[in-house]
N, C-alpha and C. Protein backbone atom coordinates (compact mmCIF):
# COMPACT_ATOMS: atom_id res chain seq x y z
N UNK A 1 1.72 -4.17 -9.45
CA UNK A 1 1.92 -3.86 -8.04
C UNK A 1 1.82 -2.36 -7.77
N UNK A 2 2.68 -1.57 -8.46
CA UNK A 2 2.62 -0.13 -8.27
C UNK A 2 1.95 0.52 -9.46
N UNK A 3 1.24 1.58 -9.21
CA UNK A 3 0.54 2.30 -10.26
C UNK A 3 1.56 3.07 -11.09
N UNK A 4 1.69 2.76 -12.39
CA UNK A 4 2.72 3.43 -13.21
C UNK A 4 2.52 4.94 -13.33
N UNK A 5 1.28 5.41 -13.19
CA UNK A 5 1.02 6.84 -13.33
C UNK A 5 1.50 7.63 -12.12
N UNK A 6 1.20 7.11 -10.92
CA UNK A 6 1.55 7.86 -9.71
C UNK A 6 2.80 7.32 -9.03
N UNK A 7 3.12 6.03 -9.28
CA UNK A 7 4.27 5.43 -8.62
C UNK A 7 3.97 5.02 -7.19
N UNK A 8 2.70 5.08 -6.80
CA UNK A 8 2.33 4.69 -5.44
C UNK A 8 2.02 3.20 -5.40
N UNK A 9 2.23 2.61 -4.24
CA UNK A 9 1.93 1.20 -4.08
C UNK A 9 0.42 1.01 -4.02
N UNK A 10 -0.06 -0.04 -4.69
CA UNK A 10 -1.49 -0.32 -4.62
C UNK A 10 -1.76 -1.05 -3.31
N UNK A 11 -2.90 -0.77 -2.69
CA UNK A 11 -3.21 -1.39 -1.40
C UNK A 11 -3.99 -2.69 -1.58
N UNK A 12 -4.35 -3.04 -2.82
CA UNK A 12 -5.15 -4.24 -3.05
C UNK A 12 -4.36 -5.51 -2.79
N UNK A 13 -3.09 -5.54 -3.15
CA UNK A 13 -2.27 -6.71 -2.86
C UNK A 13 -0.89 -6.26 -2.40
N UNK A 14 -0.31 -7.00 -1.46
CA UNK A 14 0.97 -6.59 -0.91
C UNK A 14 2.07 -6.63 -1.96
N UNK A 15 2.95 -5.65 -1.98
CA UNK A 15 4.05 -5.62 -2.93
C UNK A 15 5.11 -6.65 -2.57
N UNK A 16 5.92 -7.09 -3.52
CA UNK A 16 7.01 -8.01 -3.21
C UNK A 16 8.05 -7.31 -2.33
N UNK A 17 8.83 -8.09 -1.57
CA UNK A 17 9.82 -7.51 -0.65
C UNK A 17 10.74 -6.49 -1.31
N UNK A 18 11.16 -6.75 -2.55
CA UNK A 18 12.06 -5.84 -3.25
C UNK A 18 11.45 -4.46 -3.42
N UNK A 19 10.17 -4.45 -3.80
CA UNK A 19 9.50 -3.17 -4.03
C UNK A 19 9.30 -2.43 -2.71
N UNK A 20 9.00 -3.20 -1.67
CA UNK A 20 8.83 -2.60 -0.34
C UNK A 20 10.13 -1.93 0.10
N UNK A 21 11.24 -2.63 -0.10
CA UNK A 21 12.54 -2.08 0.31
C UNK A 21 12.85 -0.81 -0.48
N UNK A 22 12.47 -0.79 -1.75
CA UNK A 22 12.72 0.38 -2.59
C UNK A 22 11.89 1.57 -2.15
N UNK A 23 10.64 1.30 -1.76
CA UNK A 23 9.74 2.38 -1.36
C UNK A 23 10.05 2.83 0.07
N UNK A 24 10.57 1.89 0.86
CA UNK A 24 11.03 2.13 2.22
C UNK A 24 10.19 3.08 3.05
N UNK A 25 10.59 4.34 3.03
CA UNK A 25 10.02 5.36 3.89
C UNK A 25 8.51 5.47 3.74
N UNK A 26 8.05 5.54 2.50
CA UNK A 26 6.62 5.73 2.24
C UNK A 26 5.82 4.55 2.78
N UNK A 27 6.24 3.33 2.45
CA UNK A 27 5.49 2.15 2.87
C UNK A 27 5.51 2.01 4.39
N UNK A 28 6.60 2.39 5.02
CA UNK A 28 6.66 2.34 6.49
C UNK A 28 5.62 3.28 7.09
N UNK A 29 5.57 4.50 6.56
CA UNK A 29 4.58 5.46 7.06
C UNK A 29 3.17 4.95 6.83
N UNK A 30 2.93 4.36 5.65
CA UNK A 30 1.61 3.82 5.35
C UNK A 30 1.26 2.72 6.34
N UNK A 31 2.22 1.84 6.63
CA UNK A 31 2.00 0.75 7.57
C UNK A 31 1.63 1.27 8.94
N UNK A 32 2.33 2.30 9.40
CA UNK A 32 2.05 2.89 10.70
C UNK A 32 0.64 3.47 10.72
N UNK A 33 0.29 4.15 9.64
CA UNK A 33 -1.03 4.76 9.53
C UNK A 33 -2.11 3.68 9.61
N UNK A 34 -1.91 2.58 8.86
CA UNK A 34 -2.87 1.49 8.85
C UNK A 34 -2.99 0.86 10.23
N UNK A 35 -1.86 0.71 10.94
CA UNK A 35 -1.88 0.18 12.30
C UNK A 35 -2.70 1.08 13.22
N UNK A 36 -2.48 2.39 13.11
CA UNK A 36 -3.23 3.34 13.93
C UNK A 36 -4.72 3.22 13.67
N UNK A 37 -5.09 3.13 12.39
CA UNK A 37 -6.50 3.02 12.04
C UNK A 37 -7.08 1.73 12.60
N UNK A 38 -6.35 0.63 12.48
CA UNK A 38 -6.82 -0.66 12.98
C UNK A 38 -7.01 -0.61 14.50
N UNK A 39 -6.03 -0.03 15.20
CA UNK A 39 -6.11 0.08 16.66
C UNK A 39 -7.30 0.94 17.06
N UNK A 40 -7.48 2.05 16.35
CA UNK A 40 -8.56 2.97 16.67
C UNK A 40 -9.92 2.31 16.45
N UNK A 41 -10.08 1.59 15.34
CA UNK A 41 -11.36 0.96 15.06
C UNK A 41 -11.64 -0.16 16.07
N UNK A 42 -10.58 -0.84 16.54
CA UNK A 42 -10.75 -1.88 17.55
C UNK A 42 -11.24 -1.25 18.86
N UNK A 43 -10.62 -0.14 19.27
CA UNK A 43 -11.04 0.54 20.49
C UNK A 43 -12.47 1.02 20.35
N UNK A 44 -12.79 1.55 19.17
CA UNK A 44 -14.12 2.08 18.92
C UNK A 44 -15.17 0.98 19.05
N UNK A 45 -14.90 -0.19 18.49
CA UNK A 45 -15.87 -1.28 18.56
C UNK A 45 -16.03 -1.76 20.00
N UNK A 46 -14.92 -1.79 20.76
CA UNK A 46 -15.01 -2.16 22.17
C UNK A 46 -15.89 -1.17 22.92
N UNK A 47 -15.67 0.12 22.65
CA UNK A 47 -16.43 1.17 23.30
C UNK A 47 -17.91 1.05 22.97
N UNK A 48 -18.22 0.83 21.69
CA UNK A 48 -19.61 0.68 21.27
C UNK A 48 -20.25 -0.51 21.96
N UNK A 49 -19.49 -1.59 22.12
CA UNK A 49 -20.01 -2.79 22.78
C UNK A 49 -20.37 -2.47 24.22
N UNK A 50 -19.47 -1.79 24.93
CA UNK A 50 -19.69 -1.42 26.33
C UNK A 50 -20.92 -0.51 26.44
N UNK A 51 -20.98 0.51 25.58
CA UNK A 51 -22.10 1.44 25.60
C UNK A 51 -23.42 0.73 25.34
N UNK A 52 -23.45 -0.13 24.33
CA UNK A 52 -24.70 -0.81 23.99
C UNK A 52 -25.13 -1.74 25.12
N UNK A 53 -24.17 -2.40 25.78
CA UNK A 53 -24.51 -3.26 26.91
C UNK A 53 -25.14 -2.44 28.03
N UNK A 54 -24.56 -1.28 28.32
CA UNK A 54 -25.10 -0.42 29.38
C UNK A 54 -26.51 0.04 29.02
N UNK A 55 -26.69 0.47 27.76
CA UNK A 55 -28.01 0.96 27.33
C UNK A 55 -29.04 -0.15 27.40
N UNK A 56 -28.70 -1.32 26.85
CA UNK A 56 -29.63 -2.45 26.84
C UNK A 56 -29.96 -2.85 28.27
N UNK A 57 -28.95 -2.85 29.14
CA UNK A 57 -29.17 -3.19 30.54
C UNK A 57 -30.14 -2.23 31.21
N UNK A 58 -29.98 -0.93 30.96
CA UNK A 58 -30.87 0.05 31.58
C UNK A 58 -32.27 -0.03 30.99
N UNK A 59 -32.38 -0.33 29.68
CA UNK A 59 -33.71 -0.48 29.08
C UNK A 59 -34.42 -1.70 29.67
N UNK A 60 -33.67 -2.78 29.88
CA UNK A 60 -34.28 -4.00 30.43
C UNK A 60 -34.79 -3.74 31.84
N UNK A 61 -34.01 -2.98 32.62
CA UNK A 61 -34.43 -2.72 34.00
C UNK A 61 -35.68 -1.84 34.04
N UNK A 62 -35.91 -1.06 32.96
CA UNK A 62 -37.12 -0.24 32.88
C UNK A 62 -38.30 -1.02 32.30
N UNK A 63 -38.02 -2.23 31.82
CA UNK A 63 -39.10 -3.08 31.33
C UNK A 63 -39.41 -2.93 29.86
N UNK A 64 -38.45 -2.43 29.06
CA UNK A 64 -38.69 -2.32 27.61
C UNK A 64 -38.45 -3.66 26.94
């Protein structure tokens, strides 16, 4: 679960509840960071979708 050399939690598989409670502060911060990244990428994909629709729409109106 945790890397014995660094003592950091591995992100490949979720740690057991006991280990999470022990790491507490660090894992909470990591979770918040991951949430921010997920939210940001979701907004970004929505934005790209809107932009591409506008571009495709304007290209179609020009007859491309």
